């Protein structure tokens, strides 16, 4: 019956490529992720934190929601911006997206 089905014999164990060789692609992938994703994000977060800490009364800001206004009051966690004459809104400090140059509101 050997002529219909070939007998399966156990083969010698193949030599493994080593543990270090299999870790190299994983390490390279982590390095690429670090330089392309993690490092720029931490840098961006640090710059935003410095910008929020440097806010002062009278600065013109844009919020994450798109509101444009001038800071009238500052608190530890909140600030009040005037978005129109007599219209003030209280927002969180961290929701400020950018500080604009002085006089920007008048040109718009």
PDB file of N, CA and C in Angstrom:
ATOM      1  N   UNK A   1       0.805  -1.185   0.000  1.00  0.00           N
ATOM      2  CA  UNK A   1       0.000   0.000   0.000  1.00  0.00           C
ATOM      3  C   UNK A   1       0.853   1.255   0.000  1.00  0.00           C
ATOM      4  N   UNK A   2       2.143   1.122   0.071  1.00  0.00           N
ATOM      5  CA  UNK A   2       3.032   2.264   0.080  1.00  0.00           C
ATOM      6  C   UNK A   2       3.065   2.973  -1.268  1.00  0.00           C
ATOM      7  N   UNK A   3       2.669   2.319  -2.301  1.00  0.00           N
ATOM      8  CA  UNK A   3       2.730   2.989  -3.609  1.00  0.00           C
ATOM      9  C   UNK A   3       1.596   4.006  -3.780  1.00  0.00           C
ATOM     10  N   UNK A   4       0.479   3.945  -2.994  1.00  0.00           N
ATOM     11  CA  UNK A   4      -0.604   4.922  -3.080  1.00  0.00           C
ATOM     12  C   UNK A   4      -0.389   6.114  -2.137  1.00  0.00           C
ATOM     13  N   UNK A   5       0.052   5.858  -0.939  1.00  0.00           N
ATOM     14  CA  UNK A   5       0.232   6.919   0.057  1.00  0.00           C
ATOM     15  C   UNK A   5       1.683   6.880   0.514  1.00  0.00           C
ATOM     16  N   UNK A   6       2.312   8.007   0.435  1.00  0.00           N
ATOM     17  CA  UNK A   6       3.702   8.090   0.864  1.00  0.00           C
ATOM     18  C   UNK A   6       3.767   8.091   2.392  1.00  0.00           C
ATOM     19  N   UNK A   7       4.664   7.343   2.962  1.00  0.00           N
ATOM     20  CA  UNK A   7       4.787   7.344   4.423  1.00  0.00           C
ATOM     21  C   UNK A   7       5.370   8.678   4.918  1.00  0.00           C
ATOM     22  N   UNK A   8       4.857   9.156   6.042  1.00  0.00           N
ATOM     23  CA  UNK A   8       5.339  10.405   6.632  1.00  0.00           C
ATOM     24  C   UNK A   8       6.323  10.067   7.731  1.00  0.00           C
ATOM     25  N   UNK A   9       7.555  10.441   7.512  1.00  0.00           N
ATOM     26  CA  UNK A   9       8.591  10.209   8.505  1.00  0.00           C
ATOM     27  C   UNK A   9       8.886  11.510   9.234  1.00  0.00           C
ATOM     28  N   UNK A  10       9.200  11.425  10.500  1.00  0.00           N
ATOM     29  CA  UNK A  10       9.554  12.612  11.283  1.00  0.00           C
ATOM     30  C   UNK A  10      10.879  13.142  10.776  1.00  0.00           C
ATOM     31  N   UNK A  11      10.918  14.480  10.647  1.00  0.00           N
ATOM     32  CA  UNK A  11      12.153  15.093  10.180  1.00  0.00           C
ATOM     33  C   UNK A  11      12.913  15.673  11.359  1.00  0.00           C
ATOM     34  N   UNK A  12      14.164  15.943  11.119  1.00  0.00           N
ATOM     35  CA  UNK A  12      14.974  16.551  12.167  1.00  0.00           C
ATOM     36  C   UNK A  12      14.439  17.950  12.466  1.00  0.00           C
ATOM     37  N   UNK A  13      14.557  18.389  13.712  1.00  0.00           N
ATOM     38  CA  UNK A  13      14.093  19.728  14.106  1.00  0.00           C
ATOM     39  C   UNK A  13      14.939  20.772  13.399  1.00  0.00           C
ATOM     40  N   UNK A  14      14.254  21.761  12.820  1.00  0.00           N
ATOM     41  CA  UNK A  14      14.969  22.828  12.118  1.00  0.00           C
ATOM     42  C   UNK A  14      15.637  23.737  13.140  1.00  0.00           C
ATOM     43  N   UNK A  15      16.804  24.213  12.803  1.00  0.00           N
ATOM     44  CA  UNK A  15      17.535  25.107  13.699  1.00  0.00           C
ATOM     45  C   UNK A  15      16.817  26.450  13.748  1.00  0.00           C
ATOM     46  N   UNK A  16      16.593  26.934  14.951  1.00  0.00           N
ATOM     47  CA  UNK A  16      15.882  28.214  15.086  1.00  0.00           C
ATOM     48  C   UNK A  16      16.828  29.356  14.727  1.00  0.00           C
ATOM     49  N   UNK A  17      16.223  30.477  14.296  1.00  0.00           N
ATOM     50  CA  UNK A  17      17.011  31.632  13.872  1.00  0.00           C
ATOM     51  C   UNK A  17      17.581  32.419  15.033  1.00  0.00           C
ATOM     52  N   UNK A  18      17.249  32.060  16.241  1.00  0.00           N
ATOM     53  CA  UNK A  18      17.766  32.773  17.405  1.00  0.00           C
ATOM     54  C   UNK A  18      16.744  33.776  17.906  1.00  0.00           C
ATOM     55  N   UNK A  19      16.748  34.032  19.190  1.00  0.00           N
ATOM     56  CA  UNK A  19      15.797  34.939  19.807  1.00  0.00           C
ATOM     57  C   UNK A  19      16.033  36.398  19.441  1.00  0.00           C
ATOM     58  N   UNK A  20      17.284  36.781  19.287  1.00  0.00           N
ATOM     59  CA  UNK A  20      17.610  38.179  18.990  1.00  0.00           C
ATOM     60  C   UNK A  20      17.169  38.565  17.581  1.00  0.00           C
ATOM     61  N   UNK A  21      17.284  37.669  16.648  1.00  0.00           N
ATOM     62  CA  UNK A  21      16.913  37.975  15.261  1.00  0.00           C
ATOM     63  C   UNK A  21      15.407  38.192  15.130  1.00  0.00           C
ATOM     64  N   UNK A  22      14.624  37.544  15.943  1.00  0.00           N
ATOM     65  CA  UNK A  22      13.173  37.725  15.856  1.00  0.00           C
ATOM     66  C   UNK A  22      12.718  38.989  16.577  1.00  0.00           C
ATOM     67  N   UNK A  23      13.525  39.553  17.451  1.00  0.00           N
ATOM     68  CA  UNK A  23      13.163  40.779  18.173  1.00  0.00           C
ATOM     69  C   UNK A  23      13.538  42.055  17.419  1.00  0.00           C
ATOM     70  N   UNK A  24      14.441  41.966  16.475  1.00  0.00           N
ATOM     71  CA  UNK A  24      14.909  43.153  15.755  1.00  0.00           C
ATOM     72  C   UNK A  24      13.770  43.875  15.025  1.00  0.00           C
ATOM     73  N   UNK A  25      12.892  43.215  14.297  1.00  0.00           N
ATOM     74  CA  UNK A  25      11.788  43.951  13.649  1.00  0.00           C
ATOM     75  C   UNK A  25      10.854  44.625  14.648  1.00  0.00           C
ATOM     76  N   UNK A  26      10.620  43.993  15.786  1.00  0.00           N
ATOM     77  CA  UNK A  26       9.763  44.584  16.810  1.00  0.00           C
ATOM     78  C   UNK A  26      10.399  45.847  17.387  1.00  0.00           C
ATOM     79  N   UNK A  27      11.684  45.818  17.652  1.00  0.00           N
ATOM     80  CA  UNK A  27      12.393  46.985  18.174  1.00  0.00           C
ATOM     81  C   UNK A  27      12.399  48.105  17.135  1.00  0.00           C
ATOM     82  N   UNK A  28      12.633  47.766  15.883  1.00  0.00           N
ATOM     83  CA  UNK A  28      12.620  48.783  14.832  1.00  0.00           C
ATOM     84  C   UNK A  28      11.237  49.418  14.689  1.00  0.00           C
ATOM     85  N   UNK A  29      10.190  48.648  14.812  1.00  0.00           N
ATOM     86  CA  UNK A  29       8.833  49.167  14.742  1.00  0.00           C
ATOM     87  C   UNK A  29       8.563  50.131  15.893  1.00  0.00           C
ATOM     88  N   UNK A  30       9.003  49.782  17.093  1.00  0.00           N
ATOM     89  CA  UNK A  30       8.824  50.671  18.237  1.00  0.00           C
ATOM     90  C   UNK A  30       9.586  51.981  18.041  1.00  0.00           C
ATOM     91  N   UNK A  31      10.800  51.927  17.510  1.00  0.00           N
ATOM     92  CA  UNK A  31      11.592  53.142  17.272  1.00  0.00           C
ATOM     93  C   UNK A  31      10.895  54.042  16.255  1.00  0.00           C
ATOM     94  N   UNK A  32      10.349  53.472  15.204  1.00  0.00           N
ATOM     95  CA  UNK A  32       9.629  54.257  14.195  1.00  0.00           C
ATOM     96  C   UNK A  32       8.399  54.906  14.814  1.00  0.00           C
ATOM     97  N   UNK A  33       7.621  54.160  15.600  1.00  0.00           N
ATOM     98  CA  UNK A  33       6.455  54.728  16.267  1.00  0.00           C
ATOM     99  C   UNK A  33       6.844  55.853  17.214  1.00  0.00           C
ATOM    100  N   UNK A  34       7.956  55.682  17.917  1.00  0.00           N
ATOM    101  CA  UNK A  34       8.391  56.716  18.853  1.00  0.00           C
ATOM    102  C   UNK A  34       8.686  58.023  18.126  1.00  0.00           C
ATOM    103  N   UNK A  35       9.454  57.957  17.052  1.00  0.00           N
ATOM    104  CA  UNK A  35       9.855  59.184  16.368  1.00  0.00           C
ATOM    105  C   UNK A  35       8.748  59.779  15.499  1.00  0.00           C
ATOM    106  N   UNK A  36       7.816  58.978  15.019  1.00  0.00           N
ATOM    107  CA  UNK A  36       6.756  59.506  14.158  1.00  0.00           C
ATOM    108  C   UNK A  36       5.468  59.848  14.903  1.00  0.00           C
ATOM    109  N   UNK A  37       5.195  59.209  16.035  1.00  0.00           N
ATOM    110  CA  UNK A  37       3.928  59.436  16.734  1.00  0.00           C
ATOM    111  C   UNK A  37       4.097  59.966  18.148  1.00  0.00           C
ATOM    112  N   UNK A  38       4.851  59.286  18.967  1.00  0.00           N
ATOM    113  CA  UNK A  38       4.909  59.606  20.390  1.00  0.00           C
ATOM    114  C   UNK A  38       5.654  60.908  20.654  1.00  0.00           C
ATOM    115  N   UNK A  39       6.828  61.076  20.104  1.00  0.00           N
ATOM    116  CA  UNK A  39       7.643  62.258  20.372  1.00  0.00           C
ATOM    117  C   UNK A  39       6.987  63.555  19.891  1.00  0.00           C
ATOM    118  N   UNK A  40       6.459  63.627  18.656  1.00  0.00           N
ATOM    119  CA  UNK A  40       5.797  64.873  18.241  1.00  0.00           C
ATOM    120  C   UNK A  40       4.562  65.198  19.080  1.00  0.00           C
ATOM    121  N   UNK A  41       3.815  64.185  19.510  1.00  0.00           N
ATOM    122  CA  UNK A  41       2.628  64.445  20.313  1.00  0.00           C
ATOM    123  C   UNK A  41       2.996  65.009  21.680  1.00  0.00           C
ATOM    124  N   UNK A  42       4.002  64.468  22.334  1.00  0.00           N
ATOM    125  CA  UNK A  42       4.417  64.994  23.632  1.00  0.00           C
ATOM    126  C   UNK A  42       4.963  66.414  23.498  1.00  0.00           C
ATOM    127  N   UNK A  43       5.647  66.700  22.403  1.00  0.00           N
ATOM    128  CA  UNK A  43       6.155  68.056  22.162  1.00  0.00           C
ATOM    129  C   UNK A  43       4.988  69.028  21.981  1.00  0.00           C
ATOM    130  N   UNK A  44       3.963  68.621  21.238  1.00  0.00           N
ATOM    131  CA  UNK A  44       2.786  69.458  21.004  1.00  0.00           C
ATOM    132  C   UNK A  44       2.034  69.722  22.314  1.00  0.00           C
ATOM    133  N   UNK A  45       1.914  68.698  23.158  1.00  0.00           N
ATOM    134  CA  UNK A  45       1.230  68.851  24.444  1.00  0.00           C
ATOM    135  C   UNK A  45       1.998  69.811  25.348  1.00  0.00           C
ATOM    136  N   UNK A  46       3.320  69.714  25.360  1.00  0.00           N
ATOM    137  CA  UNK A  46       4.136  70.600  26.179  1.00  0.00           C
ATOM    138  C   UNK A  46       4.008  72.052  25.717  1.00  0.00           C
ATOM    139  N   UNK A  47       4.010  72.294  24.412  1.00  0.00           N
ATOM    140  CA  UNK A  47       3.851  73.649  23.884  1.00  0.00           C
ATOM    141  C   UNK A  47       2.473  74.219  24.236  1.00  0.00           C
ATOM    142  N   UNK A  48       1.421  73.404  24.160  1.00  0.00           N
ATOM    143  CA  UNK A  48       0.073  73.869  24.492  1.00  0.00           C
ATOM    144  C   UNK A  48      -0.023  74.218  25.972  1.00  0.00           C
ATOM    145  N   UNK A  49       0.588  73.409  26.825  1.00  0.00           N
ATOM    146  CA  UNK A  49       0.565  73.676  28.261  1.00  0.00           C
ATOM    147  C   UNK A  49       1.271  74.990  28.572  1.00  0.00           C
ATOM    148  N   UNK A  50       2.407  75.256  27.938  1.00  0.00           N
ATOM    149  CA  UNK A  50       3.120  76.511  28.144  1.00  0.00           C
ATOM    150  C   UNK A  50       2.295  77.697  27.665  1.00  0.00           C
ATOM    151  N   UNK A  51       1.603  77.543  26.544  1.00  0.00           N
ATOM    152  CA  UNK A  51       0.777  78.617  26.010  1.00  0.00           C
ATOM    153  C   UNK A  51      -0.382  78.927  26.960  1.00  0.00           C
ATOM    154  N   UNK A  52      -1.008  77.890  27.510  1.00  0.00           N
ATOM    155  CA  UNK A  52      -2.135  78.088  28.428  1.00  0.00           C
ATOM    156  C   UNK A  52      -1.668  78.755  29.721  1.00  0.00           C
ATOM    157  N   UNK A  53      -0.494  78.385  30.210  1.00  0.00           N
ATOM    158  CA  UNK A  53       0.028  78.993  31.440  1.00  0.00           C
ATOM    159  C   UNK A  53       0.396  80.457  31.231  1.00  0.00           C
ATOM    160  N   UNK A  54       0.732  80.840  30.008  1.00  0.00           N
ATOM    161  CA  UNK A  54       1.169  82.208  29.724  1.00  0.00           C
ATOM    162  C   UNK A  54       0.015  83.138  29.354  1.00  0.00           C
ATOM    163  N   UNK A  55      -1.233  82.672  29.417  1.00  0.00           N
ATOM    164  CA  UNK A  55      -2.369  83.527  29.077  1.00  0.00           C
ATOM    165  C   UNK A  55      -2.448  84.704  30.045  1.00  0.00           C
ATOM    166  N   UNK A  56      -2.811  85.872  29.500  1.00  0.00           N
ATOM    167  CA  UNK A  56      -2.930  87.075  30.316  1.00  0.00           C
ATOM    168  C   UNK A  56      -4.205  87.820  29.945  1.00  0.00           C
ATOM    169  N   UNK A  57      -4.641  88.687  30.831  1.00  0.00           N
ATOM    170  CA  UNK A  57      -5.830  89.486  30.598  1.00  0.00           C
ATOM    171  C   UNK A  57      -5.579  90.400  29.397  1.00  0.00           C
ATOM    172  N   UNK A  58      -6.546  90.431  28.479  1.00  0.00           N
ATOM    173  CA  UNK A  58      -6.414  91.255  27.283  1.00  0.00           C
ATOM    174  C   UNK A  58      -5.951  90.489  26.055  1.00  0.00           C
ATOM    175  N   UNK A  59      -5.503  89.242  26.227  1.00  0.00           N
ATOM    176  CA  UNK A  59      -5.089  88.429  25.073  1.00  0.00           C
ATOM    177  C   UNK A  59      -6.311  88.066  24.240  1.00  0.00           C
ATOM    178  N   UNK A  60      -6.138  88.013  22.936  1.00  0.00           N
ATOM    179  CA  UNK A  60      -7.198  87.565  22.026  1.00  0.00           C
ATOM    180  C   UNK A  60      -6.936  86.099  21.701  1.00  0.00           C
ATOM    181  N   UNK A  61      -7.952  85.267  21.916  1.00  0.00           N
ATOM    182  CA  UNK A  61      -7.778  83.819  21.793  1.00  0.00           C
ATOM    183  C   UNK A  61      -8.861  83.211  20.920  1.00  0.00           C
ATOM    184  N   UNK A  62      -8.558  82.018  20.416  1.00  0.00           N
ATOM    185  CA  UNK A  62      -9.530  81.180  19.714  1.00  0.00           C
ATOM    186  C   UNK A  62      -9.653  79.904  20.524  1.00  0.00           C
ATOM    187  N   UNK A  63     -10.895  79.469  20.768  1.00  0.00           N
ATOM    188  CA  UNK A  63     -11.112  78.243  21.521  1.00  0.00           C
ATOM    189  C   UNK A  63     -11.184  77.046  20.573  1.00  0.00           C
ATOM    190  N   UNK A  64     -11.182  75.853  21.155  1.00  0.00           N
ATOM    191  CA  UNK A  64     -11.328  74.638  20.348  1.00  0.00           C
ATOM    192  C   UNK A  64     -12.678  74.591  19.656  1.00  0.00           C
ATOM    193  N   UNK A  65     -13.677  75.250  20.219  1.00  0.00           N
ATOM    194  CA  UNK A  65     -15.006  75.291  19.620  1.00  0.00           C
ATOM    195  C   UNK A  65     -15.140  76.337  18.533  1.00  0.00           C
ATOM    196  N   UNK A  66     -14.117  77.168  18.338  1.00  0.00           N
ATOM    197  CA  UNK A  66     -14.138  78.160  17.276  1.00  0.00           C
ATOM    198  C   UNK A  66     -14.544  79.552  17.724  1.00  0.00           C
ATOM    199  N   UNK A  67     -14.716  79.773  19.032  1.00  0.00           N
ATOM    200  CA  UNK A  67     -15.057  81.106  19.520  1.00  0.00           C
ATOM    201  C   UNK A  67     -13.823  81.992  19.512  1.00  0.00           C
ATOM    202  N   UNK A  68     -14.005  83.232  19.099  1.00  0.00           N
ATOM    203  CA  UNK A  68     -12.934  84.221  19.081  1.00  0.00           C
ATOM    204  C   UNK A  68     -13.290  85.280  20.097  1.00  0.00           C
ATOM    205  N   UNK A  69     -12.388  85.593  21.013  1.00  0.00           N
ATOM    206  CA  UNK A  69     -12.702  86.587  22.023  1.00  0.00           C
ATOM    207  C   UNK A  69     -11.470  87.105  22.730  1.00  0.00           C
ATOM    208  N   UNK A  70     -11.724  88.101  23.597  1.00  0.00           N
ATOM    209  CA  UNK A  70     -10.661  88.725  24.379  1.00  0.00           C
ATOM    210  C   UNK A  70     -10.843  88.319  25.831  1.00  0.00           C
ATOM    211  N   UNK A  71      -9.749  87.947  26.490  1.00  0.00           N
ATOM    212  CA  UNK A  71      -9.802  87.503  27.878  1.00  0.00           C
ATOM    213  C   UNK A  71     -10.076  88.709  28.775  1.00  0.00           C
ATOM    214  N   UNK A  72     -11.106  88.569  29.630  1.00  0.00           N
ATOM    215  CA  UNK A  72     -11.431  89.644  30.576  1.00  0.00           C
ATOM    216  C   UNK A  72     -11.141  89.248  32.015  1.00  0.00           C
ATOM    217  N   UNK A  73     -11.242  87.973  32.349  1.00  0.00           N
ATOM    218  CA  UNK A  73     -10.948  87.488  33.701  1.00  0.00           C
ATOM    219  C   UNK A  73     -10.191  86.170  33.606  1.00  0.00           C
ATOM    220  N   UNK A  74      -9.259  85.979  34.540  1.00  0.00           N
ATOM    221  CA  UNK A  74      -8.485  84.739  34.594  1.00  0.00           C
ATOM    222  C   UNK A  74      -8.689  84.057  35.936  1.00  0.00           C
ATOM    223  N   UNK A  75      -8.819  82.748  35.910  1.00  0.00           N
ATOM    224  CA  UNK A  75      -8.872  81.938  37.128  1.00  0.00           C
ATOM    225  C   UNK A  75      -7.875  80.806  37.003  1.00  0.00           C
ATOM    226  N   UNK A  76      -7.872  79.924  38.000  1.00  0.00           N
ATOM    227  CA  UNK A  76      -6.943  78.794  37.952  1.00  0.00           C
ATOM    228  C   UNK A  76      -7.307  77.815  36.845  1.00  0.00           C
ATOM    229  N   UNK A  77      -8.586  77.468  36.734  1.00  0.00           N
ATOM    230  CA  UNK A  77      -9.020  76.481  35.748  1.00  0.00           C
ATOM    231  C   UNK A  77      -9.920  77.063  34.670  1.00  0.00           C
ATOM    232  N   UNK A  78     -10.495  78.215  34.926  1.00  0.00           N
ATOM    233  CA  UNK A  78     -11.430  78.821  33.981  1.00  0.00           C
ATOM    234  C   UNK A  78     -11.005  80.242  33.658  1.00  0.00           C
ATOM    235  N   UNK A  79     -11.504  80.746  32.547  1.00  0.00           N
ATOM    236  CA  UNK A  79     -11.313  82.146  32.184  1.00  0.00           C
ATOM    237  C   UNK A  79     -12.569  82.652  31.498  1.00  0.00           C
ATOM    238  N   UNK A  80     -12.736  83.956  31.511  1.00  0.00           N
ATOM    239  CA  UNK A  80     -13.900  84.575  30.892  1.00  0.00           C
ATOM    240  C   UNK A  80     -13.423  85.343  29.673  1.00  0.00           C
ATOM    241  N   UNK A  81     -14.054  85.063  28.524  1.00  0.00           N
ATOM    242  CA  UNK A  81     -13.704  85.807  27.314  1.00  0.00           C
ATOM    243  C   UNK A  81     -14.922  86.598  26.851  1.00  0.00           C
ATOM    244  N   UNK A  82     -14.649  87.766  26.297  1.00  0.00           N
ATOM    245  CA  UNK A  82     -15.700  88.608  25.736  1.00  0.00           C
ATOM    246  C   UNK A  82     -15.721  88.349  24.241  1.00  0.00           C
ATOM    247  N   UNK A  83     -16.833  87.779  23.755  1.00  0.00           N
ATOM    248  CA  UNK A  83     -16.917  87.418  22.343  1.00  0.00           C
ATOM    249  C   UNK A  83     -17.600  88.511  21.524  1.00  0.00           C
ATOM    250  N   UNK A  84     -18.321  89.389  22.185  1.00  0.00           N
ATOM    251  CA  UNK A  84     -18.945  90.561  21.560  1.00  0.00           C
ATOM    252  C   UNK A  84     -19.121  91.595  22.664  1.00  0.00           C
ATOM    253  N   UNK A  85     -19.465  92.810  22.302  1.00  0.00           N
ATOM    254  CA  UNK A  85     -19.640  93.853  23.296  1.00  0.00           C
ATOM    255  C   UNK A  85     -20.750  93.457  24.263  1.00  0.00           C
ATOM    256  N   UNK A  86     -20.381  93.285  25.534  1.00  0.00           N
ATOM    257  CA  UNK A  86     -21.334  92.920  26.571  1.00  0.00           C
ATOM    258  C   UNK A  86     -21.661  91.443  26.645  1.00  0.00           C
ATOM    259  N   UNK A  87     -21.071  90.601  25.808  1.00  0.00           N
ATOM    260  CA  UNK A  87     -21.337  89.162  25.823  1.00  0.00           C
ATOM    261  C   UNK A  87     -20.076  88.441  26.279  1.00  0.00           C
ATOM    262  N   UNK A  88     -20.157  87.838  27.477  1.00  0.00           N
ATOM    263  CA  UNK A  88     -19.004  87.134  28.035  1.00  0.00           C
ATOM    264  C   UNK A  88     -19.337  85.658  28.218  1.00  0.00           C
ATOM    265  N   UNK A  89     -18.328  84.818  28.019  1.00  0.00           N
ATOM    266  CA  UNK A  89     -18.483  83.371  28.124  1.00  0.00           C
ATOM    267  C   UNK A  89     -17.371  82.840  29.013  1.00  0.00           C
ATOM    268  N   UNK A  90     -17.735  81.931  29.941  1.00  0.00           N
ATOM    269  CA  UNK A  90     -16.740  81.290  30.801  1.00  0.00           C
ATOM    270  C   UNK A  90     -16.345  79.966  30.165  1.00  0.00           C
ATOM    271  N   UNK A  91     -15.043  79.749  29.998  1.00  0.00           N
ATOM    272  CA  UNK A  91     -14.524  78.534  29.373  1.00  0.00           C
ATOM    273  C   UNK A  91     -13.384  77.967  30.208  1.00  0.00           C
ATOM    274  N   UNK A  92     -13.035  76.732  29.950  1.00  0.00           N
ATOM    275  CA  UNK A  92     -11.873  76.128  30.594  1.00  0.00           C
ATOM    276  C   UNK A  92     -10.601  76.655  29.944  1.00  0.00           C
ATOM    277  N   UNK A  93      -9.557  76.777  30.734  1.00  0.00           N
ATOM    278  CA  UNK A  93      -8.277  77.264  30.200  1.00  0.00           C
ATOM    279  C   UNK A  93      -7.736  76.337  29.114  1.00  0.00           C
ATOM    280  N   UNK A  94      -7.895  75.025  29.312  1.00  0.00           N
ATOM    281  CA  UNK A  94      -7.327  74.067  28.364  1.00  0.00           C
ATOM    282  C   UNK A  94      -8.060  74.052  27.023  1.00  0.00           C
ATOM    283  N   UNK A  95      -9.221  74.712  26.931  1.00  0.00           N
ATOM    284  CA  UNK A  95      -9.944  74.731  25.663  1.00  0.00           C
ATOM    285  C   UNK A  95      -9.480  75.845  24.738  1.00  0.00           C
ATOM    286  N   UNK A  96      -8.482  76.613  25.154  1.00  0.00           N
ATOM    287  CA  UNK A  96      -7.917  77.644  24.285  1.00  0.00           C
ATOM    288  C   UNK A  96      -7.014  76.962  23.266  1.00  0.00           C
ATOM    289  N   UNK A  97      -7.301  77.197  21.990  1.00  0.00           N
ATOM    290  CA  UNK A  97      -6.529  76.549  20.929  1.00  0.00           C
ATOM    291  C   UNK A  97      -5.333  77.383  20.505  1.00  0.00           C
ATOM    292  N   UNK A  98      -5.498  78.716  20.464  1.00  0.00           N
ATOM    293  CA  UNK A  98      -4.410  79.576  19.987  1.00  0.00           C
ATOM    294  C   UNK A  98      -4.582  80.985  20.541  1.00  0.00           C
ATOM    295  N   UNK A  99      -3.465  81.658  20.687  1.00  0.00           N
ATOM    296  CA  UNK A  99      -3.456  83.071  21.056  1.00  0.00           C
ATOM    297  C   UNK A  99      -3.189  83.857  19.771  1.00  0.00           C
ATOM    298  N   UNK A 100      -4.026  84.842  19.487  1.00  0.00           N
ATOM    299  CA  UNK A 100      -3.919  85.628  18.270  1.00  0.00           C
ATOM    300  C   UNK A 100      -3.164  86.924  18.542  1.00  0.00           C
ATOM    301  N   UNK A 101      -2.586  87.523  17.502  1.00  0.00           N
ATOM    302  CA  UNK A 101      -1.955  88.826  17.677  1.00  0.00           C
ATOM    303  C   UNK A 101      -2.986  89.886  18.065  1.00  0.00           C
ATOM    304  N   UNK A 102      -2.559  90.876  18.811  1.00  0.00           N
ATOM    305  CA  UNK A 102      -3.477  91.942  19.254  1.00  0.00           C
ATOM    306  C   UNK A 102      -4.025  92.684  18.046  1.00  0.00           C
ATOM    307  N   UNK A 103      -5.316  92.984  18.112  1.00  0.00           N
ATOM    308  CA  UNK A 103      -5.971  93.704  17.026  1.00  0.00           C
ATOM    309  C   UNK A 103      -6.621  92.812  15.972  1.00  0.00           C
ATOM    310  N   UNK A 104      -6.519  91.519  16.137  1.00  0.00           N
ATOM    311  CA  UNK A 104      -7.108  90.596  15.163  1.00  0.00           C
ATOM    312  C   UNK A 104      -8.613  90.686  15.146  1.00  0.00           C
ATOM    313  N   UNK A 105      -9.231  90.868  16.300  1.00  0.00           N
ATOM    314  CA  UNK A 105     -10.683  90.932  16.373  1.00  0.00           C
ATOM    315  C   UNK A 105     -11.230  92.149  15.629  1.00  0.00           C
ATOM    316  N   UNK A 106     -10.495  93.233  15.615  1.00  0.00           N
ATOM    317  CA  UNK A 106     -10.970  94.444  14.933  1.00  0.00           C
ATOM    318  C   UNK A 106     -10.918  94.293  13.417  1.00  0.00           C
ATOM    319  N   UNK A 107     -10.002  93.482  12.935  1.00  0.00           N
ATOM    320  CA  UNK A 107      -9.872  93.328  11.482  1.00  0.00           C
ATOM    321  C   UNK A 107     -10.902  92.365  10.897  1.00  0.00           C
ATOM    322  N   UNK A 108     -11.507  91.545  11.744  1.00  0.00           N
ATOM    323  CA  UNK A 108     -12.485  90.566  11.249  1.00  0.00           C
ATOM    324  C   UNK A 108     -13.860  91.137  11.150  1.00  0.00           C
TER     325      UNK A 108
END
